[in-house]
């Protein structure tokens, strides 16, 4: 299954698809989700895009990740509450804002590293 071409960013489509699968019971509370690599293959996108989608679900409190073990649906997730709350348009804005905030942080770190390399005094030969 590859993602359809729509106006939403691919990572939002991944988050929406997995959220719907969790809500429908396809992924039960406590269940392990497929690996990032398998999800990337399934959706036909890059691993980093899948990771961005998973980050959205982590921020929503639907999933947890454990280094070396994988990503799991929270065992205490309330399936009836998924999709409740803010209107979809507001949810999309929040997701996009979280993504942009992450990207700005990554860019700031890259700029800081570049400045450190350029501005740092050169070592004489």
N, C-alpha and C. Protein backbone atom coordinates (compact mmCIF):
# COMPACT_ATOMS: atom_id res chain seq x y z
N UNK A 1 0.85 -1.17 0.00
CA UNK A 1 0.00 0.00 0.00
C UNK A 1 0.89 1.23 0.00
N UNK A 2 0.85 1.99 -1.02
CA UNK A 2 1.57 3.25 -1.04
C UNK A 2 0.59 4.36 -0.68
N UNK A 3 1.13 5.47 -0.24
CA UNK A 3 0.29 6.59 0.14
C UNK A 3 -0.32 7.22 -1.10
N UNK A 4 -1.52 7.74 -0.93
CA UNK A 4 -2.17 8.43 -2.04
C UNK A 4 -1.65 9.86 -2.11
N UNK A 5 -1.75 10.42 -3.29
CA UNK A 5 -1.33 11.81 -3.44
C UNK A 5 -2.46 12.69 -2.95
N UNK A 6 -2.25 13.33 -1.83
CA UNK A 6 -3.20 14.34 -1.36
C UNK A 6 -2.40 15.49 -0.78
N UNK A 7 -3.10 16.45 -0.24
CA UNK A 7 -2.44 17.66 0.22
C UNK A 7 -1.69 17.48 1.53
N UNK A 8 -1.99 16.42 2.25
CA UNK A 8 -1.32 16.21 3.53
C UNK A 8 0.09 15.67 3.32
N UNK A 9 1.03 16.10 4.16
CA UNK A 9 2.38 15.55 4.05
C UNK A 9 2.35 14.04 4.30
N UNK A 10 3.28 13.30 3.69
CA UNK A 10 3.30 11.84 3.86
C UNK A 10 3.36 11.38 5.31
N UNK A 11 4.11 12.07 6.17
CA UNK A 11 4.20 11.62 7.56
C UNK A 11 2.85 11.75 8.27
N UNK A 12 2.04 12.75 7.86
CA UNK A 12 0.71 12.91 8.44
C UNK A 12 -0.18 11.76 7.97
N UNK A 13 -0.03 11.37 6.71
CA UNK A 13 -0.81 10.25 6.19
C UNK A 13 -0.45 8.96 6.94
N UNK A 14 0.83 8.77 7.23
CA UNK A 14 1.27 7.59 7.99
C UNK A 14 0.63 7.62 9.37
N UNK A 15 0.73 8.75 10.05
CA UNK A 15 0.15 8.87 11.38
C UNK A 15 -1.35 8.62 11.35
N UNK A 16 -2.04 9.20 10.36
CA UNK A 16 -3.49 9.02 10.25
C UNK A 16 -3.86 7.56 10.00
N UNK A 17 -3.10 6.90 9.12
CA UNK A 17 -3.38 5.50 8.81
C UNK A 17 -3.18 4.61 10.03
N UNK A 18 -2.04 4.79 10.71
CA UNK A 18 -1.77 3.96 11.88
C UNK A 18 -2.73 4.28 13.02
N UNK A 19 -3.09 5.55 13.18
CA UNK A 19 -4.06 5.93 14.21
C UNK A 19 -5.39 5.23 13.95
N UNK A 20 -5.82 5.22 12.69
CA UNK A 20 -7.09 4.56 12.34
C UNK A 20 -6.99 3.05 12.60
N UNK A 21 -5.84 2.46 12.30
CA UNK A 21 -5.67 1.02 12.54
C UNK A 21 -5.68 0.71 14.04
N UNK A 22 -5.12 1.60 14.84
CA UNK A 22 -5.15 1.41 16.29
C UNK A 22 -6.59 1.55 16.78
N UNK A 23 -7.29 2.58 16.30
CA UNK A 23 -8.68 2.82 16.72
C UNK A 23 -9.59 1.66 16.33
N UNK A 24 -9.31 1.03 15.18
CA UNK A 24 -10.16 -0.07 14.71
C UNK A 24 -9.85 -1.39 15.41
N UNK A 25 -8.75 -1.41 16.16
CA UNK A 25 -8.37 -2.64 16.85
C UNK A 25 -7.42 -3.51 16.06
N UNK A 26 -7.04 -3.06 14.86
CA UNK A 26 -6.08 -3.83 14.07
C UNK A 26 -4.75 -3.97 14.81
N UNK A 27 -4.37 -2.92 15.53
CA UNK A 27 -3.20 -2.97 16.42
C UNK A 27 -3.73 -2.80 17.84
N UNK A 28 -3.79 -3.87 18.59
CA UNK A 28 -4.34 -3.87 19.94
C UNK A 28 -3.42 -3.17 20.93
N UNK A 29 -3.98 -2.66 22.03
CA UNK A 29 -3.12 -2.09 23.08
C UNK A 29 -2.06 -3.11 23.50
N UNK A 30 -0.82 -2.64 23.59
CA UNK A 30 0.30 -3.50 23.96
C UNK A 30 0.96 -4.19 22.79
N UNK A 31 0.33 -4.15 21.61
CA UNK A 31 0.87 -4.85 20.44
C UNK A 31 2.06 -4.10 19.86
N UNK A 32 2.99 -4.86 19.31
CA UNK A 32 4.15 -4.29 18.65
C UNK A 32 3.77 -3.90 17.23
N UNK A 33 4.16 -2.69 16.83
CA UNK A 33 3.93 -2.25 15.46
C UNK A 33 5.02 -2.81 14.56
N UNK A 34 4.77 -2.88 13.25
CA UNK A 34 5.83 -3.29 12.33
C UNK A 34 7.03 -2.34 12.45
N UNK A 35 8.19 -2.82 12.07
CA UNK A 35 9.40 -2.00 12.13
C UNK A 35 9.29 -0.80 11.19
N UNK A 36 10.13 0.19 11.43
CA UNK A 36 10.18 1.37 10.57
C UNK A 36 10.45 0.94 9.14
N UNK A 37 11.38 0.02 8.98
CA UNK A 37 11.73 -0.46 7.63
C UNK A 37 10.53 -1.08 6.94
N UNK A 38 9.79 -1.93 7.66
CA UNK A 38 8.61 -2.58 7.08
C UNK A 38 7.52 -1.55 6.75
N UNK A 39 7.34 -0.57 7.63
CA UNK A 39 6.34 0.47 7.37
C UNK A 39 6.76 1.32 6.17
N UNK A 40 8.05 1.62 6.06
CA UNK A 40 8.54 2.40 4.91
C UNK A 40 8.28 1.64 3.61
N UNK A 41 8.52 0.33 3.64
CA UNK A 41 8.25 -0.48 2.45
C UNK A 41 6.75 -0.51 2.14
N UNK A 42 5.96 -0.67 3.18
CA UNK A 42 4.50 -0.73 3.01
C UNK A 42 3.97 0.55 2.37
N UNK A 43 4.43 1.71 2.86
CA UNK A 43 3.91 2.98 2.38
C UNK A 43 4.68 3.53 1.18
N UNK A 44 5.83 2.93 0.86
CA UNK A 44 6.62 3.40 -0.26
C UNK A 44 7.28 4.75 -0.01
N UNK A 45 7.74 4.94 1.23
CA UNK A 45 8.37 6.21 1.61
C UNK A 45 9.67 5.94 2.38
N UNK A 46 10.39 7.01 2.67
CA UNK A 46 11.66 6.90 3.39
C UNK A 46 11.45 6.58 4.87
N UNK A 47 12.45 5.92 5.46
CA UNK A 47 12.41 5.59 6.89
C UNK A 47 12.17 6.84 7.75
N UNK A 48 12.84 7.93 7.41
CA UNK A 48 12.71 9.16 8.21
C UNK A 48 11.28 9.70 8.18
N UNK A 49 10.60 9.52 7.08
CA UNK A 49 9.21 9.98 6.98
C UNK A 49 8.33 9.14 7.89
N UNK A 50 8.57 7.83 7.93
CA UNK A 50 7.84 6.95 8.84
C UNK A 50 8.11 7.37 10.28
N UNK A 51 9.38 7.63 10.59
CA UNK A 51 9.74 8.03 11.95
C UNK A 51 9.03 9.32 12.35
N UNK A 52 8.86 10.23 11.41
CA UNK A 52 8.13 11.47 11.69
C UNK A 52 6.66 11.17 12.01
N UNK A 53 6.08 10.25 11.27
CA UNK A 53 4.70 9.85 11.54
C UNK A 53 4.56 9.18 12.89
N UNK A 54 5.52 8.33 13.23
CA UNK A 54 5.50 7.67 14.54
C UNK A 54 5.68 8.69 15.67
N UNK A 55 6.51 9.72 15.43
CA UNK A 55 6.72 10.75 16.44
C UNK A 55 5.39 11.44 16.76
N UNK A 56 4.58 11.68 15.74
CA UNK A 56 3.28 12.30 15.96
C UNK A 56 2.44 11.44 16.90
N UNK A 57 2.42 10.14 16.65
CA UNK A 57 1.63 9.23 17.49
C UNK A 57 2.19 9.13 18.91
N UNK A 58 3.53 9.22 19.04
CA UNK A 58 4.14 9.24 20.38
C UNK A 58 3.72 10.49 21.13
N UNK A 59 3.75 11.64 20.43
CA UNK A 59 3.35 12.90 21.05
C UNK A 59 1.88 12.89 21.46
N UNK A 60 1.07 12.14 20.74
CA UNK A 60 -0.35 12.02 21.08
C UNK A 60 -0.57 11.02 22.20
N UNK A 61 0.47 10.29 22.58
CA UNK A 61 0.35 9.31 23.65
C UNK A 61 -0.23 7.98 23.23
N UNK A 62 -0.24 7.70 21.92
CA UNK A 62 -0.82 6.44 21.43
C UNK A 62 0.19 5.30 21.41
N UNK A 63 1.46 5.63 21.22
CA UNK A 63 2.49 4.59 21.11
C UNK A 63 3.68 4.95 21.99
N UNK A 64 4.50 3.94 22.26
CA UNK A 64 5.76 4.12 22.96
C UNK A 64 6.82 3.33 22.21
N UNK A 65 8.04 3.84 22.27
CA UNK A 65 9.16 3.15 21.62
C UNK A 65 10.17 2.76 22.67
N UNK A 66 10.79 1.63 22.44
CA UNK A 66 11.82 1.13 23.33
C UNK A 66 13.02 0.74 22.48
N UNK A 67 14.17 1.37 22.76
CA UNK A 67 15.37 1.10 21.97
C UNK A 67 15.68 -0.40 21.98
N UNK A 68 15.86 -0.94 20.80
CA UNK A 68 16.19 -2.35 20.67
C UNK A 68 15.00 -3.30 20.73
N UNK A 69 13.87 -2.80 21.15
CA UNK A 69 12.68 -3.65 21.25
C UNK A 69 11.65 -3.34 20.18
N UNK A 70 11.47 -2.05 19.87
CA UNK A 70 10.51 -1.66 18.86
C UNK A 70 9.53 -0.63 19.36
N UNK A 71 8.45 -0.49 18.60
CA UNK A 71 7.40 0.49 18.90
C UNK A 71 6.12 -0.27 19.18
N UNK A 72 5.45 0.15 20.25
CA UNK A 72 4.27 -0.56 20.73
C UNK A 72 3.10 0.39 20.93
N UNK A 73 1.89 -0.12 20.71
CA UNK A 73 0.69 0.62 21.08
C UNK A 73 0.67 0.64 22.60
N UNK A 74 0.43 1.80 23.17
CA UNK A 74 0.41 1.87 24.64
C UNK A 74 -0.63 0.89 25.18
N UNK A 75 -0.25 0.20 26.22
CA UNK A 75 -1.17 -0.80 26.79
C UNK A 75 -2.35 -0.13 27.47
N UNK A 76 -2.21 1.12 27.88
CA UNK A 76 -3.30 1.82 28.55
C UNK A 76 -4.04 2.79 27.64
N UNK A 77 -3.84 2.64 26.32
CA UNK A 77 -4.49 3.56 25.38
C UNK A 77 -6.00 3.37 25.42
N UNK A 78 -6.73 4.49 25.41
CA UNK A 78 -8.19 4.47 25.41
C UNK A 78 -8.65 4.56 23.96
N UNK A 79 -9.02 3.41 23.39
CA UNK A 79 -9.41 3.37 21.98
C UNK A 79 -10.61 4.25 21.68
N UNK A 80 -11.50 4.42 22.65
CA UNK A 80 -12.69 5.24 22.41
C UNK A 80 -12.35 6.73 22.32
N UNK A 81 -11.19 7.12 22.85
CA UNK A 81 -10.81 8.54 22.84
C UNK A 81 -10.04 8.93 21.59
N UNK A 82 -9.62 7.95 20.80
CA UNK A 82 -8.85 8.27 19.59
C UNK A 82 -9.75 9.02 18.63
N UNK A 83 -9.26 10.14 18.18
CA UNK A 83 -10.02 10.95 17.24
C UNK A 83 -10.94 11.94 17.92
N UNK A 84 -11.10 11.81 19.25
CA UNK A 84 -11.92 12.77 19.97
C UNK A 84 -11.11 14.03 20.22
N UNK A 85 -11.77 15.08 20.59
CA UNK A 85 -11.05 16.30 20.94
C UNK A 85 -11.16 17.34 19.85
N UNK A 86 -10.01 17.86 19.44
CA UNK A 86 -9.98 18.98 18.50
C UNK A 86 -10.52 18.57 17.14
N UNK A 87 -10.97 19.53 16.41
CA UNK A 87 -11.45 19.30 15.05
C UNK A 87 -10.29 18.86 14.18
N UNK A 88 -10.54 18.08 13.12
CA UNK A 88 -9.46 17.59 12.28
C UNK A 88 -8.53 18.69 11.77
N UNK A 89 -9.08 19.82 11.38
CA UNK A 89 -8.23 20.90 10.86
C UNK A 89 -7.26 21.37 11.94
N UNK A 90 -7.74 21.47 13.16
CA UNK A 90 -6.88 21.88 14.27
C UNK A 90 -5.83 20.82 14.55
N UNK A 91 -6.21 19.55 14.49
CA UNK A 91 -5.24 18.46 14.67
C UNK A 91 -4.15 18.53 13.62
N UNK A 92 -4.53 18.77 12.36
CA UNK A 92 -3.55 18.87 11.28
C UNK A 92 -2.56 20.00 11.55
N UNK A 93 -3.07 21.12 12.02
CA UNK A 93 -2.19 22.26 12.31
C UNK A 93 -1.23 21.90 13.43
N UNK A 94 -1.72 21.22 14.46
CA UNK A 94 -0.85 20.82 15.57
C UNK A 94 0.23 19.85 15.10
N UNK A 95 -0.14 18.90 14.27
CA UNK A 95 0.82 17.94 13.75
C UNK A 95 1.86 18.65 12.90
N UNK A 96 1.43 19.53 12.05
CA UNK A 96 2.37 20.25 11.19
C UNK A 96 3.26 21.16 12.02
N UNK A 97 2.72 21.79 13.05
CA UNK A 97 3.52 22.63 13.93
C UNK A 97 4.58 21.81 14.65
N UNK A 98 4.21 20.64 15.14
CA UNK A 98 5.19 19.77 15.80
C UNK A 98 6.30 19.37 14.84
N UNK A 99 5.92 19.07 13.61
CA UNK A 99 6.92 18.69 12.61
C UNK A 99 7.84 19.87 12.29
N UNK A 100 7.26 21.04 12.09
CA UNK A 100 8.07 22.22 11.78
C UNK A 100 8.99 22.57 12.94
N UNK A 101 8.50 22.45 14.15
CA UNK A 101 9.33 22.72 15.33
C UNK A 101 10.52 21.78 15.36
N UNK A 102 10.29 20.52 15.05
CA UNK A 102 11.38 19.54 15.00
C UNK A 102 12.38 19.90 13.92
N UNK A 103 11.88 20.27 12.74
CA UNK A 103 12.78 20.63 11.65
C UNK A 103 13.60 21.87 11.97
N UNK A 104 12.99 22.87 12.61
CA UNK A 104 13.72 24.08 12.98
C UNK A 104 14.82 23.74 13.98
N UNK A 105 14.53 22.87 14.92
CA UNK A 105 15.54 22.45 15.89
C UNK A 105 16.71 21.75 15.20
N UNK A 106 16.40 20.87 14.24
CA UNK A 106 17.46 20.18 13.50
C UNK A 106 18.28 21.17 12.69
N UNK A 107 17.63 22.13 12.05
CA UNK A 107 18.35 23.13 11.26
C UNK A 107 19.22 24.01 12.15
N UNK A 108 18.71 24.38 13.30
CA UNK A 108 19.49 25.21 14.22
C UNK A 108 20.75 24.48 14.66
N UNK A 109 20.62 23.18 14.94
CA UNK A 109 21.79 22.39 15.33
C UNK A 109 22.80 22.30 14.19
N UNK A 110 22.32 22.14 12.97
CA UNK A 110 23.21 22.07 11.81
C UNK A 110 23.93 23.40 11.59
N UNK A 111 23.20 24.50 11.72
CA UNK A 111 23.81 25.82 11.55
C UNK A 111 24.86 26.06 12.63
N UNK A 112 24.53 25.69 13.85
CA UNK A 112 25.48 25.85 14.95
C UNK A 112 26.77 25.07 14.67
N UNK A 113 26.62 23.86 14.17
CA UNK A 113 27.80 23.04 13.84
C UNK A 113 28.60 23.66 12.70
N UNK A 114 27.92 24.15 11.67
CA UNK A 114 28.62 24.80 10.56
C UNK A 114 29.34 26.06 11.03
N UNK A 115 28.68 26.86 11.85
CA UNK A 115 29.32 28.06 12.37
C UNK A 115 30.54 27.71 13.22
N UNK A 116 30.42 26.67 14.01
CA UNK A 116 31.54 26.24 14.84
C UNK A 116 32.74 25.87 13.97
N UNK A 117 32.48 25.19 12.88
CA UNK A 117 33.56 24.77 11.98
C UNK A 117 34.17 25.94 11.23
N UNK A 118 33.35 26.89 10.80
CA UNK A 118 33.81 28.01 10.00
C UNK A 118 34.48 29.06 10.88
N UNK A 119 33.89 29.35 12.01
CA UNK A 119 34.37 30.41 12.87
C UNK A 119 35.54 29.96 13.74
N UNK A 120 35.63 28.68 14.03
CA UNK A 120 36.71 28.17 14.87
C UNK A 120 38.05 28.52 14.25
N UNK A 121 38.99 28.95 15.08
CA UNK A 121 40.31 29.30 14.53
C UNK A 121 40.95 28.10 13.84
N UNK A 122 41.56 28.39 12.72
CA UNK A 122 42.25 27.34 11.97
C UNK A 122 43.52 26.95 12.71
N UNK A 123 43.81 25.70 12.66
CA UNK A 123 45.04 25.20 13.27
C UNK A 123 46.17 25.43 12.29
N UNK A 124 47.26 26.13 12.72
CA UNK A 124 48.38 26.36 11.79
C UNK A 124 49.05 25.06 11.37
N UNK A 125 49.53 25.03 10.14
CA UNK A 125 50.20 23.84 9.62
C UNK A 125 51.58 23.67 10.19
